[in-house]
Amino acid sequence: PTLEDVFIRVTGMSFEEAERAGYREAARARRAIAR
């Protein structure tokens, strides 16, 4: 087990899945920062 397995345990998803799930939110935040 590694820290990735810790992340899976506490969120129910892998890093890759979390990035896909949060991509739109991150993109909106970056656009807001740029403005």
PDB file of all heavy atoms in Angstrom:
ATOM      1  N   PRO A   1       0.824  -1.214   0.000  1.00  0.00           N
ATOM      2  CA  PRO A   1       0.000   0.000   0.000  1.00  0.00           C
ATOM      3  C   PRO A   1       0.861   1.267   0.000  1.00  0.00           C
ATOM      4  O   PRO A   1       1.926   1.305   0.612  1.00  0.00           O
ATOM      5  CB  PRO A   1      -0.806  -0.119   1.292  1.00  0.00           C
ATOM      6  CG  PRO A   1      -0.848  -1.570   1.585  1.00  0.00           C
ATOM      7  CD  PRO A   1       0.487  -2.101   1.128  1.00  0.00           C
ATOM      8  N   THR A   2       0.399   2.284  -0.697  1.00  0.00           N
ATOM      9  CA  THR A   2       1.088   3.568  -0.788  1.00  0.00           C
ATOM     10  C   THR A   2       0.107   4.683  -0.451  1.00  0.00           C
ATOM     11  O   THR A   2      -1.060   4.438  -0.134  1.00  0.00           O
ATOM     12  CB  THR A   2       1.636   3.804  -2.202  1.00  0.00           C
ATOM     13  OG1 THR A   2       0.514   3.949  -3.112  1.00  0.00           O
ATOM     14  CG2 THR A   2       2.515   2.652  -2.668  1.00  0.00           C
ATOM     15  N   LEU A   3       0.583   5.928  -0.570  1.00  0.00           N
ATOM     16  CA  LEU A   3      -0.305   7.060  -0.332  1.00  0.00           C
ATOM     17  C   LEU A   3      -1.448   7.104  -1.344  1.00  0.00           C
ATOM     18  O   LEU A   3      -2.518   7.640  -1.055  1.00  0.00           O
ATOM     19  CB  LEU A   3       0.489   8.368  -0.373  1.00  0.00           C
ATOM     20  CG  LEU A   3       1.400   8.630   0.821  1.00  0.00           C
ATOM     21  CD1 LEU A   3       2.182   9.923   0.627  1.00  0.00           C
ATOM     22  CD2 LEU A   3       0.602   8.702   2.122  1.00  0.00           C
ATOM     23  N   GLU A   4      -1.237   6.561  -2.532  1.00  0.00           N
ATOM     24  CA  GLU A   4      -2.331   6.511  -3.498  1.00  0.00           C
ATOM     25  C   GLU A   4      -3.471   5.646  -2.966  1.00  0.00           C
ATOM     26  O   GLU A   4      -4.647   5.974  -3.136  1.00  0.00           O
ATOM     27  CB  GLU A   4      -1.856   5.972  -4.838  1.00  0.00           C
ATOM     28  CG  GLU A   4      -2.965   5.949  -5.881  1.00  0.00           C
ATOM     29  CD  GLU A   4      -2.478   5.660  -7.276  1.00  0.00           C
ATOM     30  OE1 GLU A   4      -1.283   5.346  -7.440  1.00  0.00           O
ATOM     31  OE2 GLU A   4      -3.297   5.751  -8.213  1.00  0.00           O
ATOM     32  N   ASP A   5      -3.122   4.560  -2.276  1.00  0.00           N
ATOM     33  CA  ASP A   5      -4.151   3.706  -1.695  1.00  0.00           C
ATOM     34  C   ASP A   5      -4.853   4.406  -0.538  1.00  0.00           C
ATOM     35  O   ASP A   5      -6.044   4.173  -0.291  1.00  0.00           O
ATOM     36  CB  ASP A   5      -3.524   2.387  -1.238  1.00  0.00           C
ATOM     37  CG  ASP A   5      -2.882   1.642  -2.400  1.00  0.00           C
ATOM     38  OD1 ASP A   5      -3.611   1.282  -3.332  1.00  0.00           O
ATOM     39  OD2 ASP A   5      -1.651   1.465  -2.381  1.00  0.00           O
ATOM     40  N   VAL A   6      -4.129   5.264   0.177  1.00  0.00           N
ATOM     41  CA  VAL A   6      -4.762   6.091   1.209  1.00  0.00           C
ATOM     42  C   VAL A   6      -5.805   6.995   0.558  1.00  0.00           C
ATOM     43  O   VAL A   6      -6.937   7.118   1.056  1.00  0.00           O
ATOM     44  CB  VAL A   6      -3.709   6.934   1.955  1.00  0.00           C
ATOM     45  CG1 VAL A   6      -4.385   7.907   2.922  1.00  0.00           C
ATOM     46  CG2 VAL A   6      -2.722   6.040   2.693  1.00  0.00           C
ATOM     47  N   PHE A   7      -5.431   7.630  -0.548  1.00  0.00           N
ATOM     48  CA  PHE A   7      -6.358   8.527  -1.244  1.00  0.00           C
ATOM     49  C   PHE A   7      -7.593   7.754  -1.704  1.00  0.00           C
ATOM     50  O   PHE A   7      -8.732   8.224  -1.559  1.00  0.00           O
ATOM     51  CB  PHE A   7      -5.654   9.173  -2.437  1.00  0.00           C
ATOM     52  CG  PHE A   7      -6.460  10.238  -3.116  1.00  0.00           C
ATOM     53  CD1 PHE A   7      -6.463  11.533  -2.625  1.00  0.00           C
ATOM     54  CD2 PHE A   7      -7.228   9.955  -4.228  1.00  0.00           C
ATOM     55  CE1 PHE A   7      -7.218  12.525  -3.242  1.00  0.00           C
ATOM     56  CE2 PHE A   7      -7.984  10.931  -4.846  1.00  0.00           C
ATOM     57  CZ  PHE A   7      -7.971  12.224  -4.346  1.00  0.00           C
ATOM     58  N   ILE A   8      -7.373   6.581  -2.254  1.00  0.00           N
ATOM     59  CA  ILE A   8      -8.500   5.762  -2.706  1.00  0.00           C
ATOM     60  C   ILE A   8      -9.409   5.412  -1.536  1.00  0.00           C
ATOM     61  O   ILE A   8     -10.638   5.469  -1.630  1.00  0.00           O
ATOM     62  CB  ILE A   8      -7.982   4.481  -3.392  1.00  0.00           C
ATOM     63  CG1 ILE A   8      -7.321   4.832  -4.732  1.00  0.00           C
ATOM     64  CG2 ILE A   8      -9.104   3.478  -3.611  1.00  0.00           C
ATOM     65  CD1 ILE A   8      -6.571   3.690  -5.368  1.00  0.00           C
ATOM     66  N   ARG A   9      -8.792   5.067  -0.411  1.00  0.00           N
ATOM     67  CA  ARG A   9      -9.574   4.662   0.757  1.00  0.00           C
ATOM     68  C   ARG A   9     -10.464   5.797   1.270  1.00  0.00           C
ATOM     69  O   ARG A   9     -11.628   5.583   1.626  1.00  0.00           O
ATOM     70  CB  ARG A   9      -8.624   4.199   1.864  1.00  0.00           C
ATOM     71  CG  ARG A   9      -9.273   3.874   3.178  1.00  0.00           C
ATOM     72  CD  ARG A   9     -10.100   2.620   3.124  1.00  0.00           C
ATOM     73  NE  ARG A   9      -9.267   1.430   2.982  1.00  0.00           N
ATOM     74  CZ  ARG A   9      -9.734   0.196   2.933  1.00  0.00           C
ATOM     75  NH1 ARG A   9     -11.026  -0.015   3.010  1.00  0.00           N
ATOM     76  NH2 ARG A   9      -8.927  -0.835   2.796  1.00  0.00           N
ATOM     77  N   VAL A  10      -9.936   7.025   1.304  1.00  0.00           N
ATOM     78  CA  VAL A  10     -10.694   8.125   1.920  1.00  0.00           C
ATOM     79  C   VAL A  10     -11.620   8.828   0.937  1.00  0.00           C
ATOM     80  O   VAL A  10     -12.547   9.530   1.361  1.00  0.00           O
ATOM     81  CB  VAL A  10      -9.755   9.158   2.580  1.00  0.00           C
ATOM     82  CG1 VAL A  10      -8.971   8.517   3.719  1.00  0.00           C
ATOM     83  CG2 VAL A  10      -8.799   9.779   1.563  1.00  0.00           C
ATOM     84  N   THR A  11     -11.381   8.665  -0.378  1.00  0.00           N
ATOM     85  CA  THR A  11     -12.233   9.355  -1.357  1.00  0.00           C
ATOM     86  C   THR A  11     -13.066   8.403  -2.205  1.00  0.00           C
ATOM     87  O   THR A  11     -14.039   8.838  -2.834  1.00  0.00           O
ATOM     88  CB  THR A  11     -11.390  10.222  -2.313  1.00  0.00           C
ATOM     89  OG1 THR A  11     -10.564   9.370  -3.129  1.00  0.00           O
ATOM     90  CG2 THR A  11     -10.526  11.203  -1.538  1.00  0.00           C
ATOM     91  N   GLY A  12     -12.670   7.129  -2.267  1.00  0.00           N
ATOM     92  CA  GLY A  12     -13.388   6.180  -3.103  1.00  0.00           C
ATOM     93  C   GLY A  12     -13.037   6.282  -4.569  1.00  0.00           C
ATOM     94  O   GLY A  12     -13.725   5.690  -5.414  1.00  0.00           O
ATOM     95  N   MET A  13     -11.982   7.017  -4.883  1.00  0.00           N
ATOM     96  CA  MET A  13     -11.573   7.151  -6.283  1.00  0.00           C
ATOM     97  C   MET A  13     -10.062   7.298  -6.365  1.00  0.00           C
ATOM     98  O   MET A  13      -9.404   7.657  -5.388  1.00  0.00           O
ATOM     99  CB  MET A  13     -12.259   8.351  -6.948  1.00  0.00           C
ATOM    100  CG  MET A  13     -11.872   9.704  -6.369  1.00  0.00           C
ATOM    101  SD  MET A  13     -12.772  11.075  -7.147  1.00  0.00           S
ATOM    102  CE  MET A  13     -14.360  10.924  -6.334  1.00  0.00           C
ATOM    103  N   SER A  14      -9.521   6.995  -7.545  1.00  0.00           N
ATOM    104  CA  SER A  14      -8.092   7.149  -7.765  1.00  0.00           C
ATOM    105  C   SER A  14      -7.764   8.611  -8.037  1.00  0.00           C
ATOM    106  O   SER A  14      -8.660   9.434  -8.256  1.00  0.00           O
ATOM    107  CB  SER A  14      -7.646   6.297  -8.956  1.00  0.00           C
ATOM    108  OG  SER A  14      -8.181   6.826 -10.161  1.00  0.00           O
ATOM    109  N   PHE A  15      -6.467   8.929  -8.033  1.00  0.00           N
ATOM    110  CA  PHE A  15      -6.040  10.286  -8.366  1.00  0.00           C
ATOM    111  C   PHE A  15      -6.547  10.682  -9.740  1.00  0.00           C
ATOM    112  O   PHE A  15      -7.030  11.799  -9.943  1.00  0.00           O
ATOM    113  CB  PHE A  15      -4.508  10.344  -8.350  1.00  0.00           C
ATOM    114  CG  PHE A  15      -3.952  11.208  -7.244  1.00  0.00           C
ATOM    115  CD1 PHE A  15      -4.462  11.152  -5.971  1.00  0.00           C
ATOM    116  CD2 PHE A  15      -2.898  12.079  -7.477  1.00  0.00           C
ATOM    117  CE1 PHE A  15      -3.958  11.936  -4.948  1.00  0.00           C
ATOM    118  CE2 PHE A  15      -2.376  12.864  -6.473  1.00  0.00           C
ATOM    119  CZ  PHE A  15      -2.909  12.800  -5.209  1.00  0.00           C
ATOM    120  N   GLU A  16      -6.411   9.762 -10.705  1.00  0.00           N
ATOM    121  CA  GLU A  16      -6.833  10.071 -12.074  1.00  0.00           C
ATOM    122  C   GLU A  16      -8.324  10.371 -12.142  1.00  0.00           C
ATOM    123  O   GLU A  16      -8.758  11.318 -12.808  1.00  0.00           O
ATOM    124  CB  GLU A  16      -6.491   8.898 -13.010  1.00  0.00           C
ATOM    125  CG  GLU A  16      -5.014   8.692 -13.240  1.00  0.00           C
ATOM    126  CD  GLU A  16      -4.333   7.943 -12.087  1.00  0.00           C
ATOM    127  OE1 GLU A  16      -5.038   7.528 -11.131  1.00  0.00           O
ATOM    128  OE2 GLU A  16      -3.103   7.789 -12.148  1.00  0.00           O
ATOM    129  N   GLU A  17      -9.124   9.579 -11.439  1.00  0.00           N
ATOM    130  CA  GLU A  17     -10.566   9.823 -11.425  1.00  0.00           C
ATOM    131  C   GLU A  17     -10.892  11.141 -10.738  1.00  0.00           C
ATOM    132  O   GLU A  17     -11.782  11.881 -11.186  1.00  0.00           O
ATOM    133  CB  GLU A  17     -11.262   8.667 -10.709  1.00  0.00           C
ATOM    134  CG  GLU A  17     -11.228   7.361 -11.478  1.00  0.00           C
ATOM    135  CD  GLU A  17     -11.730   6.197 -10.642  1.00  0.00           C
ATOM    136  OE1 GLU A  17     -11.327   6.085  -9.473  1.00  0.00           O
ATOM    137  OE2 GLU A  17     -12.528   5.403 -11.169  1.00  0.00           O
ATOM    138  N   ALA A  18     -10.175  11.450  -9.666  1.00  0.00           N
ATOM    139  CA  ALA A  18     -10.411  12.712  -8.960  1.00  0.00           C
ATOM    140  C   ALA A  18     -10.057  13.901  -9.835  1.00  0.00           C
ATOM    141  O   ALA A  18     -10.744  14.925  -9.813  1.00  0.00           O
ATOM    142  CB  ALA A  18      -9.598  12.747  -7.671  1.00  0.00           C
ATOM    143  N   GLU A  19      -8.983  13.763 -10.612  1.00  0.00           N
ATOM    144  CA  GLU A  19      -8.605  14.858 -11.509  1.00  0.00           C
ATOM    145  C   GLU A  19      -9.665  15.072 -12.578  1.00  0.00           C
ATOM    146  O   GLU A  19     -10.006  16.197 -12.927  1.00  0.00           O
ATOM    147  CB  GLU A  19      -7.246  14.572 -12.135  1.00  0.00           C
ATOM    148  CG  GLU A  19      -6.091  14.739 -11.160  1.00  0.00           C
ATOM    149  CD  GLU A  19      -4.750  14.679 -11.838  1.00  0.00           C
ATOM    150  OE1 GLU A  19      -4.674  14.137 -12.964  1.00  0.00           O
ATOM    151  OE2 GLU A  19      -3.778  15.171 -11.250  1.00  0.00           O
ATOM    152  N   ARG A  20     -10.195  13.985 -13.117  1.00  0.00           N
ATOM    153  CA  ARG A  20     -11.250  14.137 -14.134  1.00  0.00           C
ATOM    154  C   ARG A  20     -12.496  14.759 -13.525  1.00  0.00           C
ATOM    155  O   ARG A  20     -13.134  15.627 -14.117  1.00  0.00           O
ATOM    156  CB  ARG A  20     -11.579  12.773 -14.746  1.00  0.00           C
ATOM    157  CG  ARG A  20     -10.500  12.229 -15.678  1.00  0.00           C
ATOM    158  CD  ARG A  20     -11.036  11.095 -16.516  1.00  0.00           C
ATOM    159  NE  ARG A  20     -11.381   9.936 -15.714  1.00  0.00           N
ATOM    160  CZ  ARG A  20     -10.536   8.954 -15.416  1.00  0.00           C
ATOM    161  NH1 ARG A  20      -9.294   8.998 -15.871  1.00  0.00           N
ATOM    162  NH2 ARG A  20     -10.916   7.925 -14.698  1.00  0.00           N
ATOM    163  N   ALA A  21     -12.831  14.320 -12.297  1.00  0.00           N
ATOM    164  CA  ALA A  21     -14.031  14.847 -11.641  1.00  0.00           C
ATOM    165  C   ALA A  21     -13.892  16.323 -11.315  1.00  0.00           C
ATOM    166  O   ALA A  21     -14.863  17.078 -11.353  1.00  0.00           O
ATOM    167  CB  ALA A  21     -14.323  14.054 -10.364  1.00  0.00           C
ATOM    168  N   GLY A  22     -12.653  16.740 -10.987  1.00  0.00           N
ATOM    169  CA  GLY A  22     -12.448  18.132 -10.586  1.00  0.00           C
ATOM    170  C   GLY A  22     -11.941  19.028 -11.691  1.00  0.00           C
ATOM    171  O   GLY A  22     -11.682  20.208 -11.444  1.00  0.00           O
ATOM    172  N   TYR A  23     -11.838  18.507 -12.914  1.00  0.00           N
ATOM    173  CA  TYR A  23     -11.221  19.291 -13.984  1.00  0.00           C
ATOM    174  C   TYR A  23     -12.003  20.568 -14.275  1.00  0.00           C
ATOM    175  O   TYR A  23     -11.428  21.643 -14.415  1.00  0.00           O
ATOM    176  CB  TYR A  23     -11.126  18.449 -15.253  1.00  0.00           C
ATOM    177  CG  TYR A  23     -10.580  19.223 -16.438  1.00  0.00           C
ATOM    178  CD1 TYR A  23      -9.212  19.474 -16.547  1.00  0.00           C
ATOM    179  CD2 TYR A  23     -11.428  19.731 -17.410  1.00  0.00           C
ATOM    180  CE1 TYR A  23      -8.704  20.200 -17.613  1.00  0.00           C
ATOM    181  CE2 TYR A  23     -10.926  20.458 -18.472  1.00  0.00           C
ATOM    182  CZ  TYR A  23      -9.572  20.677 -18.569  1.00  0.00           C
ATOM    183  OH  TYR A  23      -9.083  21.402 -19.620  1.00  0.00           O
ATOM    184  N   ARG A  24     -13.311  20.465 -14.358  1.00  0.00           N
ATOM    185  CA  ARG A  24     -14.103  21.653 -14.693  1.00  0.00           C
ATOM    186  C   ARG A  24     -14.012  22.706 -13.603  1.00  0.00           C
ATOM    187  O   ARG A  24     -13.892  23.903 -13.882  1.00  0.00           O
ATOM    188  CB  ARG A  24     -15.555  21.258 -14.930  1.00  0.00           C
ATOM    189  CG  ARG A  24     -15.758  20.452 -16.215  1.00  0.00           C
ATOM    190  CD  ARG A  24     -17.212  20.140 -16.446  1.00  0.00           C
ATOM    191  NE  ARG A  24     -17.398  19.369 -17.664  1.00  0.00           N
ATOM    192  CZ  ARG A  24     -18.566  18.897 -18.083  1.00  0.00           C
ATOM    193  NH1 ARG A  24     -19.657  19.136 -17.363  1.00  0.00           N
ATOM    194  NH2 ARG A  24     -18.652  18.212 -19.201  1.00  0.00           N
ATOM    195  N   GLU A  25     -14.037  22.257 -12.331  1.00  0.00           N
ATOM    196  CA  GLU A  25     -13.913  23.214 -11.233  1.00  0.00           C
ATOM    197  C   GLU A  25     -12.566  23.914 -11.263  1.00  0.00           C
ATOM    198  O   GLU A  25     -12.466  25.120 -11.046  1.00  0.00           O
ATOM    199  CB  GLU A  25     -14.108  22.502  -9.893  1.00  0.00           C
ATOM    200  CG  GLU A  25     -15.536  22.057  -9.616  1.00  0.00           C
ATOM    201  CD  GLU A  25     -15.831  20.683 -10.168  1.00  0.00           C
ATOM    202  OE1 GLU A  25     -15.078  20.207 -11.049  1.00  0.00           O
ATOM    203  OE2 GLU A  25     -16.832  20.083  -9.729  1.00  0.00           O
ATOM    204  N   ALA A  26     -11.505  23.134 -11.543  1.00  0.00           N
ATOM    205  CA  ALA A  26     -10.164  23.727 -11.598  1.00  0.00           C
ATOM    206  C   ALA A  26     -10.061  24.725 -12.741  1.00  0.00           C
ATOM    207  O   ALA A  26      -9.461  25.800 -12.595  1.00  0.00           O
ATOM    208  CB  ALA A  26      -9.119  22.625 -11.768  1.00  0.00           C
ATOM    209  N   ALA A  27     -10.627  24.380 -13.889  1.00  0.00           N
ATOM    210  CA  ALA A  27     -10.568  25.276 -15.040  1.00  0.00           C
ATOM    211  C   ALA A  27     -11.311  26.578 -14.735  1.00  0.00           C
ATOM    212  O   ALA A  27     -10.844  27.670 -15.088  1.00  0.00           O
ATOM    213  CB  ALA A  27     -11.173  24.588 -16.264  1.00  0.00           C
ATOM    214  N   ARG A  28     -12.450  26.491 -14.066  1.00  0.00           N
ATOM    215  CA  ARG A  28     -13.199  27.697 -13.711  1.00  0.00           C
ATOM    216  C   ARG A  28     -12.405  28.548 -12.732  1.00  0.00           C
ATOM    217  O   ARG A  28     -12.378  29.778 -12.847  1.00  0.00           O
ATOM    218  CB  ARG A  28     -14.544  27.310 -13.101  1.00  0.00           C
ATOM    219  CG  ARG A  28     -15.531  26.702 -14.098  1.00  0.00           C
ATOM    220  CD  ARG A  28     -16.762  26.194 -13.397  1.00  0.00           C
ATOM    221  NE  ARG A  28     -17.485  27.279 -12.734  1.00  0.00           N
ATOM    222  CZ  ARG A  28     -18.471  27.068 -11.855  1.00  0.00           C
ATOM    223  NH1 ARG A  28     -18.835  25.845 -11.533  1.00  0.00           N
ATOM    224  NH2 ARG A  28     -19.087  28.103 -11.319  1.00  0.00           N
ATOM    225  N   ALA A  29     -11.744  27.886 -11.766  1.00  0.00           N
ATOM    226  CA  ALA A  29     -10.932  28.631 -10.793  1.00  0.00           C
ATOM    227  C   ALA A  29      -9.784  29.345 -11.477  1.00  0.00           C
ATOM    228  O   ALA A  29      -9.486  30.496 -11.170  1.00  0.00           O
ATOM    229  CB  ALA A  29     -10.413  27.694  -9.710  1.00  0.00           C
ATOM    230  N   ARG A  30      -9.108  28.666 -12.412  1.00  0.00           N
ATOM    231  CA  ARG A  30      -7.982  29.294 -13.108  1.00  0.00           C
ATOM    232  C   ARG A  30      -8.453  30.495 -13.922  1.00  0.00           C
ATOM    233  O   ARG A  30      -7.752  31.503 -13.990  1.00  0.00           O
ATOM    234  CB  ARG A  30      -7.296  28.260 -14.009  1.00  0.00           C
ATOM    235  CG  ARG A  30      -6.543  27.173 -13.242  1.00  0.00           C
ATOM    236  CD  ARG A  30      -5.674  26.355 -14.162  1.00  0.00           C
ATOM    237  NE  ARG A  30      -5.027  25.294 -13.441  1.00  0.00           N
ATOM    238  CZ  ARG A  30      -5.421  24.029 -13.423  1.00  0.00           C
ATOM    239  NH1 ARG A  30      -6.496  23.676 -14.105  1.00  0.00           N
ATOM    240  NH2 ARG A  30      -4.779  23.115 -12.733  1.00  0.00           N
ATOM    241  N   ARG A  31      -9.605  30.383 -14.566  1.00  0.00           N
ATOM    242  CA  ARG A  31     -10.126  31.527 -15.332  1.00  0.00           C
ATOM    243  C   ARG A  31     -10.445  32.681 -14.409  1.00  0.00           C
ATOM    244  O   ARG A  31     -10.184  33.844 -14.734  1.00  0.00           O
ATOM    245  CB  ARG A  31     -11.380  31.096 -16.119  1.00  0.00           C
ATOM    246  CG  ARG A  31     -11.077  30.201 -17.317  1.00  0.00           C
ATOM    247  CD  ARG A  31     -12.283  30.126 -18.249  1.00  0.00           C
ATOM    248  NE  ARG A  31     -13.429  29.512 -17.617  1.00  0.00           N
ATOM    249  CZ  ARG A  31     -13.693  28.213 -17.647  1.00  0.00           C
ATOM    250  NH1 ARG A  31     -12.867  27.383 -18.271  1.00  0.00           N
ATOM    251  NH2 ARG A  31     -14.783  27.729 -17.070  1.00  0.00           N
ATOM    252  N   ALA A  32     -10.975  32.359 -13.219  1.00  0.00           N
ATOM    253  CA  ALA A  32     -11.292  33.419 -12.258  1.00  0.00           C
ATOM    254  C   ALA A  32     -10.021  34.085 -11.757  1.00  0.00           C
ATOM    255  O   ALA A  32      -9.951  35.308 -11.592  1.00  0.00           O
ATOM    256  CB  ALA A  32     -12.095  32.842 -11.091  1.00  0.00           C
ATOM    257  N   ILE A  33      -8.955  33.276 -11.491  1.00  0.00           N
ATOM    258  CA  ILE A  33      -7.683  33.829 -11.067  1.00  0.00           C
ATOM    259  C   ILE A  33      -7.131  34.773 -12.119  1.00  0.00           C
ATOM    260  O   ILE A  33      -6.646  35.862 -11.850  1.00  0.00           O
ATOM    261  CB  ILE A  33      -6.657  32.713 -10.768  1.00  0.00           C
ATOM    262  CG1 ILE A  33      -7.088  31.924  -9.524  1.00  0.00           C
ATOM    263  CG2 ILE A  33      -5.263  33.279 -10.562  1.00  0.00           C
ATOM    264  CD1 ILE A  33      -6.257  30.686  -9.279  1.00  0.00           C
ATOM    265  N   ALA A  34      -7.201  34.333 -13.400  1.00  0.00           N
ATOM    266  CA  ALA A  34      -6.670  35.140 -14.497  1.00  0.00           C
ATOM    267  C   ALA A  34      -7.395  36.480 -14.604  1.00  0.00           C
ATOM    268  O   ALA A  34      -6.799  37.486 -15.007  1.00  0.00           O
ATOM    269  CB  ALA A  34      -6.793  34.375 -15.815  1.00  0.00           C
ATOM    270  N   ARG A  35      -8.671  36.476 -14.196  1.00  0.00           N
ATOM    271  CA  ARG A  35      -9.438  37.730 -14.254  1.00  0.00           C
ATOM    272  C   ARG A  35      -9.283  38.544 -12.980  1.00  0.00           C
ATOM    273  O   ARG A  35      -9.901  39.588 -12.835  1.00  0.00           O
ATOM    274  CB  ARG A  35     -10.920  37.419 -14.487  1.00  0.00           C
ATOM    275  CG  ARG A  35     -11.225  36.892 -15.886  1.00  0.00           C
ATOM    276  CD  ARG A  35     -12.731  36.894 -16.128  1.00  0.00           C
ATOM    277  NE  ARG A  35     -13.418  35.943 -15.271  1.00  0.00           N
ATOM    278  CZ  ARG A  35     -13.690  34.687 -15.623  1.00  0.00           C
ATOM    279  NH1 ARG A  35     -13.301  34.239 -16.810  1.00  0.00           N
ATOM    280  NH2 ARG A  35     -14.332  33.876 -14.804  1.00  0.00           N
TER     281      ARG A  35
END
